[in-house]
């Protein structure tokens, strides 16, 4: 049985702007479609526009042009597409470092252990808190036991979001399961204020800024 094609928004080579690999070159597979509508979304085009149906082989061939860098699957929401799973498996089988950025609303149980999961936990001011699949916390714990090194991201729009993220981190012991990333939403929370809060709390998380937005502030795509 052939692998299903993927609906792709864009394929691009850029500097990784987020995650623990910030600053490194990376090959991005941005997939179309999203089941969430976060208030601060900066990639609305992934669900407002029709993507291009693309065969697995074409994506793999494109990635071969950048053999020395990680490949990140992002969106939109990559796990909405069944073709994401064979793509992850094939990239990993070819020895690639594979990152999956997912919005946390869908189960990660089928993600290969060779893939680094970057799991978003949607804070209250995103408007999507009720869409979190909390069972993913247990799945992250199981992946950790198998040696996976995943990441959890909170995008913060307010101090209320920060307090929520701090409480969730403590309640579920998230710092023991994954690297924690706190990212201030653009124009909604000042990075300096977030830094103050983190220092005061001796937070176990990393403060994360969107480096690609700092480097290319006028560009919305391809970065």
C-alpha atoms as a PDB file:
ATOM      1  CA  UNK A   1       0.000   0.000   0.000  1.00  0.00           C
ATOM      2  CA  UNK A   2       1.399   3.387  -1.007  1.00  0.00           C
ATOM      3  CA  UNK A   3       1.957   6.144   1.488  1.00  0.00           C
ATOM      4  CA  UNK A   4      -0.647   8.925   1.512  1.00  0.00           C
ATOM      5  CA  UNK A   5       0.464  12.291   0.107  1.00  0.00           C
ATOM      6  CA  UNK A   6       0.815  15.258   2.420  1.00  0.00           C
ATOM      7  CA  UNK A   7      -0.738  18.678   2.003  1.00  0.00           C
ATOM      8  CA  UNK A   8       2.221  21.036   2.298  1.00  0.00           C
ATOM      9  CA  UNK A   9       2.080  24.743   2.982  1.00  0.00           C
ATOM     10  CA  UNK A  10       5.786  25.330   2.351  1.00  0.00           C
ATOM     11  CA  UNK A  11       9.205  23.704   2.343  1.00  0.00           C
ATOM     12  CA  UNK A  12      12.041  25.975   3.365  1.00  0.00           C
ATOM     13  CA  UNK A  13      15.581  26.062   4.716  1.00  0.00           C
ATOM     14  CA  UNK A  14      16.168  28.592   7.470  1.00  0.00           C
ATOM     15  CA  UNK A  15      17.577  29.272  10.915  1.00  0.00           C
ATOM     16  CA  UNK A  16      15.774  27.419  13.698  1.00  0.00           C
ATOM     17  CA  UNK A  17      14.018  30.144  15.648  1.00  0.00           C
ATOM     18  CA  UNK A  18      12.631  28.101  18.535  1.00  0.00           C
ATOM     19  CA  UNK A  19      13.270  25.006  20.668  1.00  0.00           C
ATOM     20  CA  UNK A  20      16.587  23.956  22.203  1.00  0.00           C
ATOM     21  CA  UNK A  21      18.095  24.057  18.706  1.00  0.00           C
ATOM     22  CA  UNK A  22      17.560  27.797  18.303  1.00  0.00           C
ATOM     23  CA  UNK A  23      20.148  29.336  16.003  1.00  0.00           C
ATOM     24  CA  UNK A  24      20.953  26.189  14.036  1.00  0.00           C
ATOM     25  CA  UNK A  25      20.185  25.796  10.327  1.00  0.00           C
ATOM     26  CA  UNK A  26      17.145  23.579   9.778  1.00  0.00           C
ATOM     27  CA  UNK A  27      15.025  22.183   6.946  1.00  0.00           C
ATOM     28  CA  UNK A  28      11.339  22.859   7.590  1.00  0.00           C
ATOM     29  CA  UNK A  29       8.359  20.905   6.316  1.00  0.00           C
ATOM     30  CA  UNK A  30       5.377  23.128   7.110  1.00  0.00           C
ATOM     31  CA  UNK A  31       2.144  21.224   6.663  1.00  0.00           C
ATOM     32  CA  UNK A  32      -1.282  22.698   5.979  1.00  0.00           C
ATOM     33  CA  UNK A  33      -4.328  22.511   8.207  1.00  0.00           C
ATOM     34  CA  UNK A  34      -4.908  23.128  11.891  1.00  0.00           C
ATOM     35  CA  UNK A  35      -7.667  22.155  14.292  1.00  0.00           C
ATOM     36  CA  UNK A  36      -6.982  25.093  16.651  1.00  0.00           C
ATOM     37  CA  UNK A  37      -7.444  28.841  16.316  1.00  0.00           C
ATOM     38  CA  UNK A  38      -5.042  30.419  18.796  1.00  0.00           C
ATOM     39  CA  UNK A  39      -5.527  34.137  19.311  1.00  0.00           C
ATOM     40  CA  UNK A  40      -1.856  34.886  18.625  1.00  0.00           C
ATOM     41  CA  UNK A  41      -1.419  32.584  15.602  1.00  0.00           C
ATOM     42  CA  UNK A  42       1.394  33.784  13.325  1.00  0.00           C
ATOM     43  CA  UNK A  43       0.892  31.185  10.593  1.00  0.00           C
ATOM     44  CA  UNK A  44      -2.783  31.579   9.713  1.00  0.00           C
ATOM     45  CA  UNK A  45      -2.007  30.919   6.065  1.00  0.00           C
ATOM     46  CA  UNK A  46      -1.475  27.250   6.889  1.00  0.00           C
ATOM     47  CA  UNK A  47      -5.204  26.835   7.438  1.00  0.00           C
ATOM     48  CA  UNK A  48      -6.625  29.781   5.497  1.00  0.00           C
ATOM     49  CA  UNK A  49      -5.053  28.683   2.198  1.00  0.00           C
ATOM     50  CA  UNK A  50      -5.038  25.397   0.318  1.00  0.00           C
ATOM     51  CA  UNK A  51      -1.696  23.663   0.485  1.00  0.00           C
ATOM     52  CA  UNK A  52      -0.103  21.573  -2.247  1.00  0.00           C
ATOM     53  CA  UNK A  53      -0.549  17.813  -2.367  1.00  0.00           C
ATOM     54  CA  UNK A  54       2.976  16.419  -2.230  1.00  0.00           C
ATOM     55  CA  UNK A  55       4.196  12.833  -2.387  1.00  0.00           C
ATOM     56  CA  UNK A  56       6.424  11.473   0.342  1.00  0.00           C
ATOM     57  CA  UNK A  57       9.206  10.849  -2.184  1.00  0.00           C
ATOM     58  CA  UNK A  58       9.224  14.502  -3.250  1.00  0.00           C
ATOM     59  CA  UNK A  59       9.605  15.717   0.326  1.00  0.00           C
ATOM     60  CA  UNK A  60      12.391  13.241   1.004  1.00  0.00           C
ATOM     61  CA  UNK A  61      14.208  14.317  -2.148  1.00  0.00           C
ATOM     62  CA  UNK A  62      13.928  17.969  -1.126  1.00  0.00           C
ATOM     63  CA  UNK A  63      15.318  17.195   2.342  1.00  0.00           C
ATOM     64  CA  UNK A  64      18.304  15.439   0.767  1.00  0.00           C
ATOM     65  CA  UNK A  65      19.543  18.854  -0.408  1.00  0.00           C
ATOM     66  CA  UNK A  66      20.248  19.675   3.267  1.00  0.00           C
ATOM     67  CA  UNK A  67      21.725  16.425   4.607  1.00  0.00           C
ATOM     68  CA  UNK A  68      23.650  17.981   7.474  1.00  0.00           C
ATOM     69  CA  UNK A  69      20.766  19.695   9.302  1.00  0.00           C
ATOM     70  CA  UNK A  70      17.720  18.640  11.356  1.00  0.00           C
ATOM     71  CA  UNK A  71      14.342  18.363   9.678  1.00  0.00           C
ATOM     72  CA  UNK A  72      11.383  19.867  11.508  1.00  0.00           C
ATOM     73  CA  UNK A  73       7.774  18.982  10.788  1.00  0.00           C
ATOM     74  CA  UNK A  74       5.547  21.872  11.757  1.00  0.00           C
ATOM     75  CA  UNK A  75       2.298  23.499  10.720  1.00  0.00           C
ATOM     76  CA  UNK A  76      -0.503  24.019  11.142  1.00  0.00           C
ATOM     77  CA  UNK A  77      -0.769  20.733  12.957  1.00  0.00           C
ATOM     78  CA  UNK A  78       1.295  17.908  11.424  1.00  0.00           C
ATOM     79  CA  UNK A  79      -0.491  15.069  13.256  1.00  0.00           C
ATOM     80  CA  UNK A  80      -3.749  15.837  11.463  1.00  0.00           C
ATOM     81  CA  UNK A  81      -2.261  14.177   8.378  1.00  0.00           C
ATOM     82  CA  UNK A  82      -1.767  10.419   8.276  1.00  0.00           C
ATOM     83  CA  UNK A  83       1.147  10.865   5.898  1.00  0.00           C
ATOM     84  CA  UNK A  84       3.143  12.519   8.673  1.00  0.00           C
ATOM     85  CA  UNK A  85       3.848   9.144  10.287  1.00  0.00           C
ATOM     86  CA  UNK A  86       5.588   7.459   7.322  1.00  0.00           C
ATOM     87  CA  UNK A  87       7.468  10.699   6.699  1.00  0.00           C
ATOM     88  CA  UNK A  88       8.821  10.710  10.261  1.00  0.00           C
ATOM     89  CA  UNK A  89       9.720   7.024  10.068  1.00  0.00           C
ATOM     90  CA  UNK A  90      11.498   7.373   6.728  1.00  0.00           C
ATOM     91  CA  UNK A  91      13.478  10.454   7.744  1.00  0.00           C
ATOM     92  CA  UNK A  92      14.594   8.733  10.951  1.00  0.00           C
ATOM     93  CA  UNK A  93      15.508   5.575   9.041  1.00  0.00           C
ATOM     94  CA  UNK A  94      17.772   7.700   6.844  1.00  0.00           C
ATOM     95  CA  UNK A  95      19.632   8.899   9.912  1.00  0.00           C
ATOM     96  CA  UNK A  96      18.122  12.375  10.020  1.00  0.00           C
ATOM     97  CA  UNK A  97      17.509  14.315  13.218  1.00  0.00           C
ATOM     98  CA  UNK A  98      13.743  14.819  13.180  1.00  0.00           C
ATOM     99  CA  UNK A  99      11.727  17.334  15.194  1.00  0.00           C
ATOM    100  CA  UNK A 100       7.948  17.374  15.453  1.00  0.00           C
ATOM    101  CA  UNK A 101       6.202  20.534  16.614  1.00  0.00           C
ATOM    102  CA  UNK A 102       2.651  19.714  17.659  1.00  0.00           C
ATOM    103  CA  UNK A 103      -0.080  21.777  19.296  1.00  0.00           C
ATOM    104  CA  UNK A 104      -0.845  19.291  22.069  1.00  0.00           C
ATOM    105  CA  UNK A 105      -4.428  18.567  21.098  1.00  0.00           C
ATOM    106  CA  UNK A 106      -3.713  15.190  19.482  1.00  0.00           C
ATOM    107  CA  UNK A 107      -2.146  12.052  20.913  1.00  0.00           C
ATOM    108  CA  UNK A 108       1.591  11.565  20.401  1.00  0.00           C
ATOM    109  CA  UNK A 109       1.488   7.819  21.054  1.00  0.00           C
ATOM    110  CA  UNK A 110       2.387   6.898  17.475  1.00  0.00           C
ATOM    111  CA  UNK A 111       5.333   9.274  17.145  1.00  0.00           C
ATOM    112  CA  UNK A 112       8.557   7.259  16.728  1.00  0.00           C
ATOM    113  CA  UNK A 113      10.987   7.395  19.629  1.00  0.00           C
ATOM    114  CA  UNK A 114      13.666   8.619  17.234  1.00  0.00           C
ATOM    115  CA  UNK A 115      11.700  11.851  16.751  1.00  0.00           C
ATOM    116  CA  UNK A 116      11.968  14.742  19.225  1.00  0.00           C
ATOM    117  CA  UNK A 117       8.503  15.930  20.202  1.00  0.00           C
ATOM    118  CA  UNK A 118       8.061  19.660  20.850  1.00  0.00           C
ATOM    119  CA  UNK A 119       4.678  19.671  22.566  1.00  0.00           C
ATOM    120  CA  UNK A 120       2.726  22.890  22.984  1.00  0.00           C
ATOM    121  CA  UNK A 121       0.528  23.204  26.060  1.00  0.00           C
ATOM    122  CA  UNK A 122      -2.018  25.898  25.262  1.00  0.00           C
ATOM    123  CA  UNK A 123      -2.359  28.494  27.995  1.00  0.00           C
ATOM    124  CA  UNK A 124      -5.729  30.043  28.935  1.00  0.00           C
ATOM    125  CA  UNK A 125      -5.242  33.267  26.968  1.00  0.00           C
ATOM    126  CA  UNK A 126      -4.618  31.317  23.779  1.00  0.00           C
ATOM    127  CA  UNK A 127      -8.333  30.532  23.806  1.00  0.00           C
ATOM    128  CA  UNK A 128      -7.534  26.860  23.220  1.00  0.00           C
ATOM    129  CA  UNK A 129      -6.833  25.527  26.717  1.00  0.00           C
ATOM    130  CA  UNK A 130      -9.853  23.224  26.532  1.00  0.00           C
ATOM    131  CA  UNK A 131      -8.328  21.436  23.534  1.00  0.00           C
ATOM    132  CA  UNK A 132      -5.312  20.025  25.402  1.00  0.00           C
ATOM    133  CA  UNK A 133      -4.959  16.236  25.324  1.00  0.00           C
ATOM    134  CA  UNK A 134      -3.741  15.786  28.888  1.00  0.00           C
ATOM    135  CA  UNK A 135      -3.046  12.109  28.271  1.00  0.00           C
ATOM    136  CA  UNK A 136       0.052  13.294  26.412  1.00  0.00           C
ATOM    137  CA  UNK A 137       1.712  13.955  29.789  1.00  0.00           C
ATOM    138  CA  UNK A 138       1.662  10.226  30.477  1.00  0.00           C
ATOM    139  CA  UNK A 139       2.909   9.543  26.955  1.00  0.00           C
ATOM    140  CA  UNK A 140       5.814  11.922  27.491  1.00  0.00           C
ATOM    141  CA  UNK A 141       6.628  10.097  30.722  1.00  0.00           C
ATOM    142  CA  UNK A 142       6.735   6.768  28.890  1.00  0.00           C
ATOM    143  CA  UNK A 143       8.897   8.236  26.146  1.00  0.00           C
ATOM    144  CA  UNK A 144      11.264   9.618  28.781  1.00  0.00           C
ATOM    145  CA  UNK A 145      11.649   6.143  30.278  1.00  0.00           C
ATOM    146  CA  UNK A 146      12.623   4.905  26.813  1.00  0.00           C
ATOM    147  CA  UNK A 147      15.329   7.545  26.556  1.00  0.00           C
ATOM    148  CA  UNK A 148      13.518  10.199  24.506  1.00  0.00           C
ATOM    149  CA  UNK A 149      14.469  13.833  25.070  1.00  0.00           C
ATOM    150  CA  UNK A 150      11.350  15.852  24.300  1.00  0.00           C
ATOM    151  CA  UNK A 151      10.373  19.481  24.862  1.00  0.00           C
ATOM    152  CA  UNK A 152       7.274  21.243  26.217  1.00  0.00           C
ATOM    153  CA  UNK A 153       6.448  24.759  25.102  1.00  0.00           C
ATOM    154  CA  UNK A 154       4.170  27.328  26.719  1.00  0.00           C
ATOM    155  CA  UNK A 155       3.337  30.429  24.680  1.00  0.00           C
ATOM    156  CA  UNK A 156       2.451  33.152  27.182  1.00  0.00           C
ATOM    157  CA  UNK A 157       0.133  36.054  26.449  1.00  0.00           C
ATOM    158  CA  UNK A 158      -0.065  37.398  30.013  1.00  0.00           C
ATOM    159  CA  UNK A 159       1.086  37.001  33.591  1.00  0.00           C
ATOM    160  CA  UNK A 160      -2.018  34.884  34.125  1.00  0.00           C
ATOM    161  CA  UNK A 161      -0.644  32.451  31.536  1.00  0.00           C
ATOM    162  CA  UNK A 162       2.704  32.427  33.322  1.00  0.00           C
ATOM    163  CA  UNK A 163       1.085  31.525  36.642  1.00  0.00           C
ATOM    164  CA  UNK A 164      -0.943  28.800  34.923  1.00  0.00           C
ATOM    165  CA  UNK A 165       2.180  27.345  33.279  1.00  0.00           C
ATOM    166  CA  UNK A 166       4.025  27.414  36.608  1.00  0.00           C
ATOM    167  CA  UNK A 167       1.176  25.574  38.351  1.00  0.00           C
ATOM    168  CA  UNK A 168       0.818  22.968  35.603  1.00  0.00           C
ATOM    169  CA  UNK A 169       4.578  22.384  35.640  1.00  0.00           C
ATOM    170  CA  UNK A 170       4.520  21.751  39.386  1.00  0.00           C
ATOM    171  CA  UNK A 171       1.355  19.633  39.364  1.00  0.00           C
ATOM    172  CA  UNK A 172       2.565  17.238  36.671  1.00  0.00           C
ATOM    173  CA  UNK A 173       6.307  17.341  37.375  1.00  0.00           C
ATOM    174  CA  UNK A 174       6.940  18.487  33.817  1.00  0.00           C
ATOM    175  CA  UNK A 175      10.543  19.501  34.435  1.00  0.00           C
ATOM    176  CA  UNK A 176      11.334  15.805  34.974  1.00  0.00           C
ATOM    177  CA  UNK A 177       9.727  14.788  31.677  1.00  0.00           C
ATOM    178  CA  UNK A 178      11.024  17.273  29.133  1.00  0.00           C
ATOM    179  CA  UNK A 179      12.907  20.502  28.557  1.00  0.00           C
ATOM    180  CA  UNK A 180      10.539  23.389  29.330  1.00  0.00           C
ATOM    181  CA  UNK A 181      10.319  26.429  27.069  1.00  0.00           C
ATOM    182  CA  UNK A 182       8.495  29.665  27.951  1.00  0.00           C
ATOM    183  CA  UNK A 183       7.811  31.888  24.963  1.00  0.00           C
ATOM    184  CA  UNK A 184       6.228  35.368  25.248  1.00  0.00           C
ATOM    185  CA  UNK A 185       3.599  35.940  22.573  1.00  0.00           C
ATOM    186  CA  UNK A 186       4.607  38.755  20.259  1.00  0.00           C
ATOM    187  CA  UNK A 187       3.222  42.154  21.349  1.00  0.00           C
ATOM    188  CA  UNK A 188       1.265  40.538  24.184  1.00  0.00           C
ATOM    189  CA  UNK A 189       3.866  39.871  26.866  1.00  0.00           C
ATOM    190  CA  UNK A 190       7.165  41.705  27.273  1.00  0.00           C
ATOM    191  CA  UNK A 191      10.200  39.386  27.309  1.00  0.00           C
ATOM    192  CA  UNK A 192      11.728  41.500  30.066  1.00  0.00           C
ATOM    193  CA  UNK A 193       8.719  40.923  32.316  1.00  0.00           C
ATOM    194  CA  UNK A 194       8.801  37.200  31.655  1.00  0.00           C
ATOM    195  CA  UNK A 195      12.496  37.162  32.517  1.00  0.00           C
ATOM    196  CA  UNK A 196      11.763  38.934  35.804  1.00  0.00           C
ATOM    197  CA  UNK A 197       9.100  36.397  36.736  1.00  0.00           C
ATOM    198  CA  UNK A 198      11.312  33.447  35.852  1.00  0.00           C
ATOM    199  CA  UNK A 199      14.226  34.782  37.879  1.00  0.00           C
ATOM    200  CA  UNK A 200      12.030  35.502  40.873  1.00  0.00           C
ATOM    201  CA  UNK A 201      10.634  31.969  40.786  1.00  0.00           C
ATOM    202  CA  UNK A 202      13.929  30.287  39.907  1.00  0.00           C
ATOM    203  CA  UNK A 203      12.038  28.696  37.063  1.00  0.00           C
ATOM    204  CA  UNK A 204      13.341  25.386  35.640  1.00  0.00           C
ATOM    205  CA  UNK A 205      12.348  26.527  32.142  1.00  0.00           C
ATOM    206  CA  UNK A 206      14.191  28.324  29.377  1.00  0.00           C
ATOM    207  CA  UNK A 207      13.026  31.701  28.094  1.00  0.00           C
ATOM    208  CA  UNK A 208      12.535  31.391  24.358  1.00  0.00           C
ATOM    209  CA  UNK A 209      12.233  34.203  21.838  1.00  0.00           C
ATOM    210  CA  UNK A 210      11.327  33.667  18.201  1.00  0.00           C
ATOM    211  CA  UNK A 211      14.774  34.256  16.740  1.00  0.00           C
ATOM    212  CA  UNK A 212      13.562  34.056  13.131  1.00  0.00           C
ATOM    213  CA  UNK A 213      11.120  36.917  13.806  1.00  0.00           C
ATOM    214  CA  UNK A 214      13.966  39.005  15.201  1.00  0.00           C
ATOM    215  CA  UNK A 215      16.236  38.312  12.214  1.00  0.00           C
ATOM    216  CA  UNK A 216      13.526  38.762   9.559  1.00  0.00           C
ATOM    217  CA  UNK A 217      10.764  40.898  11.135  1.00  0.00           C
ATOM    218  CA  UNK A 218       9.169  41.774   7.785  1.00  0.00           C
ATOM    219  CA  UNK A 219       8.858  38.182   6.566  1.00  0.00           C
ATOM    220  CA  UNK A 220       5.845  36.027   7.376  1.00  0.00           C
ATOM    221  CA  UNK A 221       6.824  32.916   5.391  1.00  0.00           C
ATOM    222  CA  UNK A 222       9.903  30.923   4.631  1.00  0.00           C
ATOM    223  CA  UNK A 223      11.565  31.693   7.965  1.00  0.00           C
END
